[in-house]
Amino acid sequence: MQVRAGWVVLGLAAVAGLAWYAARGPADPAADRARQARADQAAAEIAADAEPVLYRWRDANGVTQITEEPPKGRKYERIPRDAAPAIEVRGDRE
């Protein structure tokens, strides 16, 4: 008898869960678009952080420095480590 009562309780819990799921309100398209926009922005930021970069900044004497670590307490600019594709120059063409 105890086993049957356990199955009844489990069945009632399953029915209650399905009833809750079915009673939820319809999805809000505007909220879904906003959530997707935030996810896309976060993915872009993560991808940008994954790219190897160098940091360009000026020291106290005004000399430009390029380092792998950002300076502390100074303004700096992030520059990509890998150069963008450039024009190919070959001397064998006429």
PDB file of N, CA and C in Angstrom:
ATOM      1  N   MET A   1       0.821  -1.194   0.000  1.00  0.00           N
ATOM      2  CA  MET A   1       0.000   0.000   0.000  1.00  0.00           C
ATOM      3  C   MET A   1       0.864   1.258   0.000  1.00  0.00           C
ATOM      4  N   GLN A   2       2.035   1.217   0.669  1.00  0.00           N
ATOM      5  CA  GLN A   2       2.897   2.385   0.725  1.00  0.00           C
ATOM      6  C   GLN A   2       3.472   2.706  -0.649  1.00  0.00           C
ATOM      7  N   VAL A   3       3.764   1.690  -1.446  1.00  0.00           N
ATOM      8  CA  VAL A   3       4.329   1.924  -2.772  1.00  0.00           C
ATOM      9  C   VAL A   3       3.291   2.608  -3.662  1.00  0.00           C
ATOM     10  N   ARG A   4       2.064   2.170  -3.587  1.00  0.00           N
ATOM     11  CA  ARG A   4       1.005   2.757  -4.395  1.00  0.00           C
ATOM     12  C   ARG A   4       0.789   4.214  -3.994  1.00  0.00           C
ATOM     13  N   ALA A   5       0.857   4.534  -2.725  1.00  0.00           N
ATOM     14  CA  ALA A   5       0.685   5.907  -2.254  1.00  0.00           C
ATOM     15  C   ALA A   5       1.823   6.789  -2.769  1.00  0.00           C
ATOM     16  N   GLY A   6       3.019   6.234  -2.833  1.00  0.00           N
ATOM     17  CA  GLY A   6       4.158   6.987  -3.372  1.00  0.00           C
ATOM     18  C   GLY A   6       3.950   7.338  -4.840  1.00  0.00           C
ATOM     19  N   TRP A   7       3.431   6.386  -5.610  1.00  0.00           N
ATOM     20  CA  TRP A   7       3.155   6.644  -7.029  1.00  0.00           C
ATOM     21  C   TRP A   7       2.047   7.672  -7.199  1.00  0.00           C
ATOM     22  N   VAL A   8       1.062   7.644  -6.330  1.00  0.00           N
ATOM     23  CA  VAL A   8      -0.024   8.629  -6.398  1.00  0.00           C
ATOM     24  C   VAL A   8       0.525  10.026  -6.125  1.00  0.00           C
ATOM     25  N   VAL A   9       1.365  10.160  -5.122  1.00  0.00           N
ATOM     26  CA  VAL A   9       1.956  11.462  -4.794  1.00  0.00           C
ATOM     27  C   VAL A   9       2.826  11.933  -5.953  1.00  0.00           C
ATOM     28  N   LEU A  10       3.621  11.041  -6.537  1.00  0.00           N
ATOM     29  CA  LEU A  10       4.464  11.392  -7.671  1.00  0.00           C
ATOM     30  C   LEU A  10       3.620  11.816  -8.872  1.00  0.00           C
ATOM     31  N   GLY A  11       2.529  11.122  -9.107  1.00  0.00           N
ATOM     32  CA  GLY A  11       1.627  11.475 -10.206  1.00  0.00           C
ATOM     33  C   GLY A  11       0.988  12.837  -9.988  1.00  0.00           C
ATOM     34  N   LEU A  12       0.543  13.098  -8.757  1.00  0.00           N
ATOM     35  CA  LEU A  12      -0.046  14.409  -8.459  1.00  0.00           C
ATOM     36  C   LEU A  12       0.972  15.530  -8.640  1.00  0.00           C
ATOM     37  N   ALA A  13       2.218  15.276  -8.261  1.00  0.00           N
ATOM     38  CA  ALA A  13       3.269  16.282  -8.442  1.00  0.00           C
ATOM     39  C   ALA A  13       3.506  16.541  -9.928  1.00  0.00           C
ATOM     40  N   ALA A  14       3.489  15.485 -10.731  1.00  0.00           N
ATOM     41  CA  ALA A  14       3.673  15.643 -12.172  1.00  0.00           C
ATOM     42  C   ALA A  14       2.511  16.425 -12.782  1.00  0.00           C
ATOM     43  N   VAL A  15       1.297  16.120 -12.392  1.00  0.00           N
ATOM     44  CA  VAL A  15       0.127  16.843 -12.899  1.00  0.00           C
ATOM     45  C   VAL A  15       0.180  18.302 -12.479  1.00  0.00           C
ATOM     46  N   ALA A  16       0.582  18.576 -11.240  1.00  0.00           N
ATOM     47  CA  ALA A  16       0.686  19.959 -10.772  1.00  0.00           C
ATOM     48  C   ALA A  16       1.746  20.711 -11.573  1.00  0.00           C
ATOM     49  N   GLY A  17       2.859  20.065 -11.868  1.00  0.00           N
ATOM     50  CA  GLY A  17       3.900  20.702 -12.666  1.00  0.00           C
ATOM     51  C   GLY A  17       3.432  21.006 -14.075  1.00  0.00           C
ATOM     52  N   LEU A  18       2.732  20.073 -14.688  1.00  0.00           N
ATOM     53  CA  LEU A  18       2.196  20.308 -16.032  1.00  0.00           C
ATOM     54  C   LEU A  18       1.143  21.411 -16.027  1.00  0.00           C
ATOM     55  N   ALA A  19       0.320  21.452 -14.996  1.00  0.00           N
ATOM     56  CA  ALA A  19      -0.695  22.501 -14.893  1.00  0.00           C
ATOM     57  C   ALA A  19      -0.038  23.871 -14.752  1.00  0.00           C
ATOM     58  N   TRP A  20       1.005  23.958 -13.957  1.00  0.00           N
ATOM     59  CA  TRP A  20       1.718  25.238 -13.809  1.00  0.00           C
ATOM     60  C   TRP A  20       2.323  25.656 -15.145  1.00  0.00           C
ATOM     61  N   TYR A  21       2.949  24.718 -15.853  1.00  0.00           N
ATOM     62  CA  TYR A  21       3.590  25.031 -17.126  1.00  0.00           C
ATOM     63  C   TYR A  21       2.565  25.507 -18.153  1.00  0.00           C
ATOM     64  N   ALA A  22       1.408  24.854 -18.180  1.00  0.00           N
ATOM     65  CA  ALA A  22       0.372  25.218 -19.146  1.00  0.00           C
ATOM     66  C   ALA A  22      -0.281  26.552 -18.794  1.00  0.00           C
ATOM     67  N   ALA A  23      -0.293  26.927 -17.514  1.00  0.00           N
ATOM     68  CA  ALA A  23      -0.973  28.147 -17.079  1.00  0.00           C
ATOM     69  C   ALA A  23      -0.095  29.387 -17.214  1.00  0.00           C
ATOM     70  N   ARG A  24       1.178  29.207 -17.565  1.00  0.00           N
ATOM     71  CA  ARG A  24       2.053  30.379 -17.706  1.00  0.00           C
ATOM     72  C   ARG A  24       1.517  31.277 -18.805  1.00  0.00           C
ATOM     73  N   GLY A  25       1.808  32.546 -18.674  1.00  0.00           N
ATOM     74  CA  GLY A  25       1.347  33.503 -19.670  1.00  0.00           C
ATOM     75  C   GLY A  25       2.096  33.337 -20.984  1.00  0.00           C
ATOM     76  N   PRO A  26       1.569  33.927 -22.049  1.00  0.00           N
ATOM     77  CA  PRO A  26       2.248  33.825 -23.340  1.00  0.00           C
ATOM     78  C   PRO A  26       3.583  34.573 -23.293  1.00  0.00           C
ATOM     79  N   ALA A  27       4.494  34.130 -24.117  1.00  0.00           N
ATOM     80  CA  ALA A  27       5.821  34.756 -24.157  1.00  0.00           C
ATOM     81  C   ALA A  27       5.692  36.188 -24.664  1.00  0.00           C
ATOM     82  N   ASP A  28       6.510  37.063 -24.114  1.00  0.00           N
ATOM     83  CA  ASP A  28       6.532  38.472 -24.523  1.00  0.00           C
ATOM     84  C   ASP A  28       7.615  38.644 -25.587  1.00  0.00           C
ATOM     85  N   PRO A  29       7.235  38.912 -26.837  1.00  0.00           N
ATOM     86  CA  PRO A  29       8.236  39.034 -27.906  1.00  0.00           C
ATOM     87  C   PRO A  29       9.253  40.148 -27.646  1.00  0.00           C
ATOM     88  N   ALA A  30       8.818  41.257 -27.059  1.00  0.00           N
ATOM     89  CA  ALA A  30       9.743  42.365 -26.798  1.00  0.00           C
ATOM     90  C   ALA A  30      10.786  41.942 -25.762  1.00  0.00           C
ATOM     91  N   ALA A  31      10.356  41.229 -24.735  1.00  0.00           N
ATOM     92  CA  ALA A  31      11.299  40.758 -23.720  1.00  0.00           C
ATOM     93  C   ALA A  31      12.252  39.732 -24.316  1.00  0.00           C
ATOM     94  N   ASP A  32      11.745  38.879 -25.201  1.00  0.00           N
ATOM     95  CA  ASP A  32      12.611  37.893 -25.849  1.00  0.00           C
ATOM     96  C   ASP A  32      13.652  38.580 -26.726  1.00  0.00           C
ATOM     97  N   ARG A  33      13.254  39.620 -27.465  1.00  0.00           N
ATOM     98  CA  ARG A  33      14.213  40.347 -28.309  1.00  0.00           C
ATOM     99  C   ARG A  33      15.253  41.057 -27.455  1.00  0.00           C
ATOM    100  N   ALA A  34      14.839  41.651 -26.342  1.00  0.00           N
ATOM    101  CA  ALA A  34      15.780  42.337 -25.454  1.00  0.00           C
ATOM    102  C   ALA A  34      16.751  41.337 -24.843  1.00  0.00           C
ATOM    103  N   ARG A  35      16.250  40.177 -24.446  1.00  0.00           N
ATOM    104  CA  ARG A  35      17.113  39.139 -23.871  1.00  0.00           C
ATOM    105  C   ARG A  35      18.118  38.659 -24.912  1.00  0.00           C
ATOM    106  N   GLN A  36      17.670  38.485 -26.162  1.00  0.00           N
ATOM    107  CA  GLN A  36      18.569  38.044 -27.225  1.00  0.00           C
ATOM    108  C   GLN A  36      19.618  39.114 -27.532  1.00  0.00           C
ATOM    109  N   ALA A  37      19.222  40.388 -27.498  1.00  0.00           N
ATOM    110  CA  ALA A  37      20.172  41.480 -27.743  1.00  0.00           C
ATOM    111  C   ALA A  37      21.248  41.508 -26.654  1.00  0.00           C
ATOM    112  N   ARG A  38      20.844  41.315 -25.398  1.00  0.00           N
ATOM    113  CA  ARG A  38      21.829  41.280 -24.317  1.00  0.00           C
ATOM    114  C   ARG A  38      22.771  40.091 -24.467  1.00  0.00           C
ATOM    115  N   ALA A  39      22.239  38.952 -24.874  1.00  0.00           N
ATOM    116  CA  ALA A  39      23.072  37.765 -25.076  1.00  0.00           C
ATOM    117  C   ALA A  39      24.050  37.976 -26.221  1.00  0.00           C
ATOM    118  N   ASP A  40      23.598  38.602 -27.306  1.00  0.00           N
ATOM    119  CA  ASP A  40      24.481  38.878 -28.438  1.00  0.00           C
ATOM    120  C   ASP A  40      25.587  39.843 -28.044  1.00  0.00           C
ATOM    121  N   GLN A  41      25.245  40.864 -27.267  1.00  0.00           N
ATOM    122  CA  GLN A  41      26.245  41.834 -26.828  1.00  0.00           C
ATOM    123  C   GLN A  41      27.273  41.170 -25.918  1.00  0.00           C
ATOM    124  N   ALA A  42      26.821  40.330 -25.013  1.00  0.00           N
ATOM    125  CA  ALA A  42      27.739  39.633 -24.116  1.00  0.00           C
ATOM    126  C   ALA A  42      28.658  38.701 -24.909  1.00  0.00           C
ATOM    127  N   ALA A  43      28.112  38.019 -25.908  1.00  0.00           N
ATOM    128  CA  ALA A  43      28.936  37.128 -26.734  1.00  0.00           C
ATOM    129  C   ALA A  43      29.979  37.920 -27.511  1.00  0.00           C
ATOM    130  N   ALA A  44      29.608  39.092 -28.016  1.00  0.00           N
ATOM    131  CA  ALA A  44      30.568  39.930 -28.743  1.00  0.00           C
ATOM    132  C   ALA A  44      31.670  40.422 -27.814  1.00  0.00           C
ATOM    133  N   GLU A  45      31.315  40.803 -26.597  1.00  0.00           N
ATOM    134  CA  GLU A  45      32.329  41.254 -25.634  1.00  0.00           C
ATOM    135  C   GLU A  45      33.278  40.121 -25.253  1.00  0.00           C
ATOM    136  N   ILE A  46      32.746  38.931 -25.092  1.00  0.00           N
ATOM    137  CA  ILE A  46      33.586  37.782 -24.758  1.00  0.00           C
ATOM    138  C   ILE A  46      34.526  37.474 -25.920  1.00  0.00           C
ATOM    139  N   ALA A  47      34.008  37.539 -27.149  1.00  0.00           N
ATOM    140  CA  ALA A  47      34.854  37.285 -28.316  1.00  0.00           C
ATOM    141  C   ALA A  47      35.943  38.347 -28.442  1.00  0.00           C
ATOM    142  N   ALA A  48      35.603  39.603 -28.158  1.00  0.00           N
ATOM    143  CA  ALA A  48      36.600  40.675 -28.232  1.00  0.00           C
ATOM    144  C   ALA A  48      37.670  40.485 -27.168  1.00  0.00           C
ATOM    145  N   ASP A  49      37.287  40.029 -25.992  1.00  0.00           N
ATOM    146  CA  ASP A  49      38.256  39.799 -24.926  1.00  0.00           C
ATOM    147  C   ASP A  49      39.156  38.600 -25.225  1.00  0.00           C
ATOM    148  N   ALA A  50      38.695  37.680 -26.059  1.00  0.00           N
ATOM    149  CA  ALA A  50      39.479  36.494 -26.370  1.00  0.00           C
ATOM    150  C   ALA A  50      40.567  36.776 -27.400  1.00  0.00           C
ATOM    151  N   GLU A  51      40.445  37.848 -28.162  1.00  0.00           N
ATOM    152  CA  GLU A  51      41.454  38.186 -29.160  1.00  0.00           C
ATOM    153  C   GLU A  51      42.717  38.704 -28.470  1.00  0.00           C
ATOM    154  N   PRO A  52      43.876  38.303 -28.970  1.00  0.00           N
ATOM    155  CA  PRO A  52      45.115  38.817 -28.368  1.00  0.00           C
ATOM    156  C   PRO A  52      45.286  40.300 -28.684  1.00  0.00           C
ATOM    157  N   VAL A  53      45.574  41.086 -27.671  1.00  0.00           N
ATOM    158  CA  VAL A  53      45.721  42.529 -27.863  1.00  0.00           C
ATOM    159  C   VAL A  53      46.998  43.025 -27.189  1.00  0.00           C
ATOM    160  N   LEU A  54      47.408  44.186 -27.619  1.00  0.00           N
ATOM    161  CA  LEU A  54      48.499  44.916 -26.985  1.00  0.00           C
ATOM    162  C   LEU A  54      47.923  46.222 -26.470  1.00  0.00           C
ATOM    163  N   TYR A  55      48.643  46.870 -25.580  1.00  0.00           N
ATOM    164  CA  TYR A  55      48.179  48.124 -24.990  1.00  0.00           C
ATOM    165  C   TYR A  55      49.185  49.223 -25.331  1.00  0.00           C
ATOM    166  N   ARG A  56      48.674  50.315 -25.919  1.00  0.00           N
ATOM    167  CA  ARG A  56      49.508  51.450 -26.273  1.00  0.00           C
ATOM    168  C   ARG A  56      49.203  52.583 -25.306  1.00  0.00           C
ATOM    169  N   TRP A  57      50.254  53.157 -24.717  1.00  0.00           N
ATOM    170  CA  TRP A  57      50.076  54.223 -23.746  1.00  0.00           C
ATOM    171  C   TRP A  57      51.346  55.064 -23.698  1.00  0.00           C
ATOM    172  N   ARG A  58      51.265  56.205 -23.052  1.00  0.00           N
ATOM    173  CA  ARG A  58      52.423  57.099 -22.923  1.00  0.00           C
ATOM    174  C   ARG A  58      52.876  57.112 -21.466  1.00  0.00           C
ATOM    175  N   ASP A  59      54.193  57.040 -21.285  1.00  0.00           N
ATOM    176  CA  ASP A  59      54.735  57.067 -19.930  1.00  0.00           C
ATOM    177  C   ASP A  59      54.865  58.514 -19.447  1.00  0.00           C
ATOM    178  N   ALA A  60      55.465  58.709 -18.282  1.00  0.00           N
ATOM    179  CA  ALA A  60      55.577  60.045 -17.679  1.00  0.00           C
ATOM    180  C   ALA A  60      56.403  61.000 -18.536  1.00  0.00           C
ATOM    181  N   ASN A  61      57.314  60.480 -19.360  1.00  0.00           N
ATOM    182  CA  ASN A  61      58.137  61.317 -20.224  1.00  0.00           C
ATOM    183  C   ASN A  61      57.497  61.567 -21.581  1.00  0.00           C
ATOM    184  N   GLY A  62      56.300  61.037 -21.813  1.00  0.00           N
ATOM    185  CA  GLY A  62      55.604  61.230 -23.086  1.00  0.00           C
ATOM    186  C   GLY A  62      56.010  60.240 -24.151  1.00  0.00           C
ATOM    187  N   VAL A  63      56.769  59.223 -23.783  1.00  0.00           N
ATOM    188  CA  VAL A  63      57.210  58.210 -24.740  1.00  0.00           C
ATOM    189  C   VAL A  63      56.118  57.156 -24.886  1.00  0.00           C
ATOM    190  N   THR A  64      55.808  56.809 -26.127  1.00  0.00           N
ATOM    191  CA  THR A  64      54.793  55.797 -26.383  1.00  0.00           C
ATOM    192  C   THR A  64      55.331  54.422 -26.011  1.00  0.00           C
ATOM    193  N   GLN A  65      54.553  53.698 -25.242  1.00  0.00           N
ATOM    194  CA  GLN A  65      54.900  52.344 -24.822  1.00  0.00           C
ATOM    195  C   GLN A  65      53.848  51.386 -25.372  1.00  0.00           C
ATOM    196  N   ILE A  66      54.283  50.196 -25.765  1.00  0.00           N
ATOM    197  CA  ILE A  66      53.366  49.140 -26.193  1.00  0.00           C
ATOM    198  C   ILE A  66      53.703  47.912 -25.369  1.00  0.00           C
ATOM    199  N   THR A  67      52.737  47.457 -24.579  1.00  0.00           N
ATOM    200  CA  THR A  67      52.974  46.343 -23.670  1.00  0.00           C
ATOM    201  C   THR A  67      51.856  45.314 -23.778  1.00  0.00           C
ATOM    202  N   GLU A  68      52.108  44.147 -23.203  1.00  0.00           N
ATOM    203  CA  GLU A  68      51.093  43.092 -23.185  1.00  0.00           C
ATOM    204  C   GLU A  68      50.121  43.250 -22.027  1.00  0.00           C
ATOM    205  N   GLU A  69      50.506  44.004 -21.012  1.00  0.00           N
ATOM    206  CA  GLU A  69      49.651  44.245 -19.852  1.00  0.00           C
ATOM    207  C   GLU A  69      49.252  45.714 -19.825  1.00  0.00           C
ATOM    208  N   PRO A  70      48.002  46.011 -19.463  1.00  0.00           N
ATOM    209  CA  PRO A  70      47.598  47.424 -19.408  1.00  0.00           C
ATOM    210  C   PRO A  70      48.287  48.139 -18.250  1.00  0.00           C
ATOM    211  N   PRO A  71      48.616  49.408 -18.431  1.00  0.00           N
ATOM    212  CA  PRO A  71      49.246  50.156 -17.341  1.00  0.00           C
ATOM    213  C   PRO A  71      48.228  50.480 -16.256  1.00  0.00           C
ATOM    214  N   LYS A  72      48.710  50.628 -15.056  1.00  0.00           N
ATOM    215  CA  LYS A  72      47.818  50.977 -13.949  1.00  0.00           C
ATOM    216  C   LYS A  72      47.820  52.484 -13.773  1.00  0.00           C
ATOM    217  N   GLY A  73      46.655  53.071 -13.698  1.00  0.00           N
ATOM    218  CA  GLY A  73      46.532  54.497 -13.434  1.00  0.00           C
ATOM    219  C   GLY A  73      46.799  55.380 -14.634  1.00  0.00           C
ATOM    220  N   ARG A  74      46.828  54.823 -15.839  1.00  0.00           N
ATOM    221  CA  ARG A  74      47.056  55.621 -17.044  1.00  0.00           C
ATOM    222  C   ARG A  74      46.022  55.259 -18.096  1.00  0.00           C
ATOM    223  N   LYS A  75      45.760  56.212 -18.978  1.00  0.00           N
ATOM    224  CA  LYS A  75      44.891  55.923 -20.111  1.00  0.00           C
ATOM    225  C   LYS A  75      45.676  55.082 -21.113  1.00  0.00           C
ATOM    226  N   TYR A  76      44.990  54.155 -21.739  1.00  0.00           N
ATOM    227  CA  TYR A  76      45.641  53.313 -22.732  1.00  0.00           C
ATOM    228  C   TYR A  76      44.658  52.996 -23.849  1.00  0.00           C
ATOM    229  N   GLU A  77      45.213  52.482 -24.936  1.00  0.00           N
ATOM    230  CA  GLU A  77      44.412  52.101 -26.096  1.00  0.00           C
ATOM    231  C   GLU A  77      44.692  50.638 -26.389  1.00  0.00           C
ATOM    232  N   ARG A  78      43.628  49.859 -26.606  1.00  0.00           N
ATOM    233  CA  ARG A  78      43.783  48.451 -26.969  1.00  0.00           C
ATOM    234  C   ARG A  78      43.997  48.378 -28.473  1.00  0.00           C
ATOM    235  N   ILE A  79      45.027  47.662 -28.890  1.00  0.00           N
ATOM    236  CA  ILE A  79      45.286  47.477 -30.319  1.00  0.00           C
ATOM    237  C   ILE A  79      45.415  45.984 -30.591  1.00  0.00           C
ATOM    238  N   PRO A  80      44.924  45.534 -31.736  1.00  0.00           N
ATOM    239  CA  PRO A  80      45.005  44.093 -32.025  1.00  0.00           C
ATOM    240  C   PRO A  80      46.455  43.653 -32.209  1.00  0.00           C
ATOM    241  N   ARG A  81      46.753  42.475 -31.715  1.00  0.00           N
ATOM    242  CA  ARG A  81      48.108  41.944 -31.846  1.00  0.00           C
ATOM    243  C   ARG A  81      48.366  41.530 -33.289  1.00  0.00           C
ATOM    244  N   ASP A  82      47.387  40.929 -33.923  1.00  0.00           N
ATOM    245  CA  ASP A  82      47.532  40.487 -35.309  1.00  0.00           C
ATOM    246  C   ASP A  82      47.143  41.628 -36.237  1.00  0.00           C
ATOM    247  N   ALA A  83      48.011  41.929 -37.176  1.00  0.00           N
ATOM    248  CA  ALA A  83      47.731  43.013 -38.122  1.00  0.00           C
ATOM    249  C   ALA A  83      46.627  42.596 -39.083  1.00  0.00           C
ATOM    250  N   ALA A  84      45.882  43.571 -39.532  1.00  0.00           N
ATOM    251  CA  ALA A  84      44.842  43.320 -40.525  1.00  0.00           C
ATOM    252  C   ALA A  84      45.497  42.962 -41.855  1.00  0.00           C
ATOM    253  N   PRO A  85      44.802  42.216 -42.703  1.00  0.00           N
ATOM    254  CA  PRO A  85      45.384  41.878 -44.013  1.00  0.00           C
ATOM    255  C   PRO A  85      45.720  43.167 -44.766  1.00  0.00           C
ATOM    256  N   ALA A  86      46.890  43.178 -45.382  1.00  0.00           N
ATOM    257  CA  ALA A  86      47.352  44.379 -46.077  1.00  0.00           C
ATOM    258  C   ALA A  86      47.486  44.094 -47.567  1.00  0.00           C
ATOM    259  N   ILE A  87      47.902  45.091 -48.287  1.00  0.00           N
ATOM    260  CA  ILE A  87      48.104  44.941 -49.727  1.00  0.00           C
ATOM    261  C   ILE A  87      49.374  44.121 -49.936  1.00  0.00           C
ATOM    262  N   GLU A  88      49.259  43.186 -50.849  1.00  0.00           N
ATOM    263  CA  GLU A  88      50.421  42.345 -51.165  1.00  0.00           C
ATOM    264  C   GLU A  88      51.304  43.061 -52.173  1.00  0.00           C
ATOM    265  N   VAL A  89      52.585  43.168 -51.858  1.00  0.00           N
ATOM    266  CA  VAL A  89      53.536  43.834 -52.748  1.00  0.00           C
ATOM    267  C   VAL A  89      54.514  42.782 -53.228  1.00  0.00           C
ATOM    268  N   ARG A  90      54.558  42.612 -54.552  1.00  0.00           N
ATOM    269  CA  ARG A  90      55.487  41.656 -55.142  1.00  0.00           C
ATOM    270  C   ARG A  90      56.241  42.341 -56.267  1.00  0.00           C
ATOM    271  N   GLY A  91      57.522  42.114 -56.355  1.00  0.00           N
ATOM    272  CA  GLY A  91      58.346  42.767 -57.357  1.00  0.00           C
ATOM    273  C   GLY A  91      58.376  42.065 -58.697  1.00  0.00           C
ATOM    274  N   ASP A  92      57.816  40.868 -58.791  1.00  0.00           N
ATOM    275  CA  ASP A  92      57.896  40.110 -60.037  1.00  0.00           C
ATOM    276  C   ASP A  92      56.737  40.426 -60.991  1.00  0.00           C
ATOM    277  N   ARG A  93      55.849  41.302 -60.618  1.00  0.00           N
ATOM    278  CA  ARG A  93      54.719  41.665 -61.493  1.00  0.00           C
ATOM    279  C   ARG A  93      55.041  42.925 -62.281  1.00  0.00           C
ATOM    280  N   GLU A  94      54.516  43.006 -63.456  1.00  0.00           N
ATOM    281  CA  GLU A  94      54.717  44.224 -64.258  1.00  0.00           C
ATOM    282  C   GLU A  94      53.395  44.867 -64.591  1.00  0.00           C
TER     283      GLU A  94
END
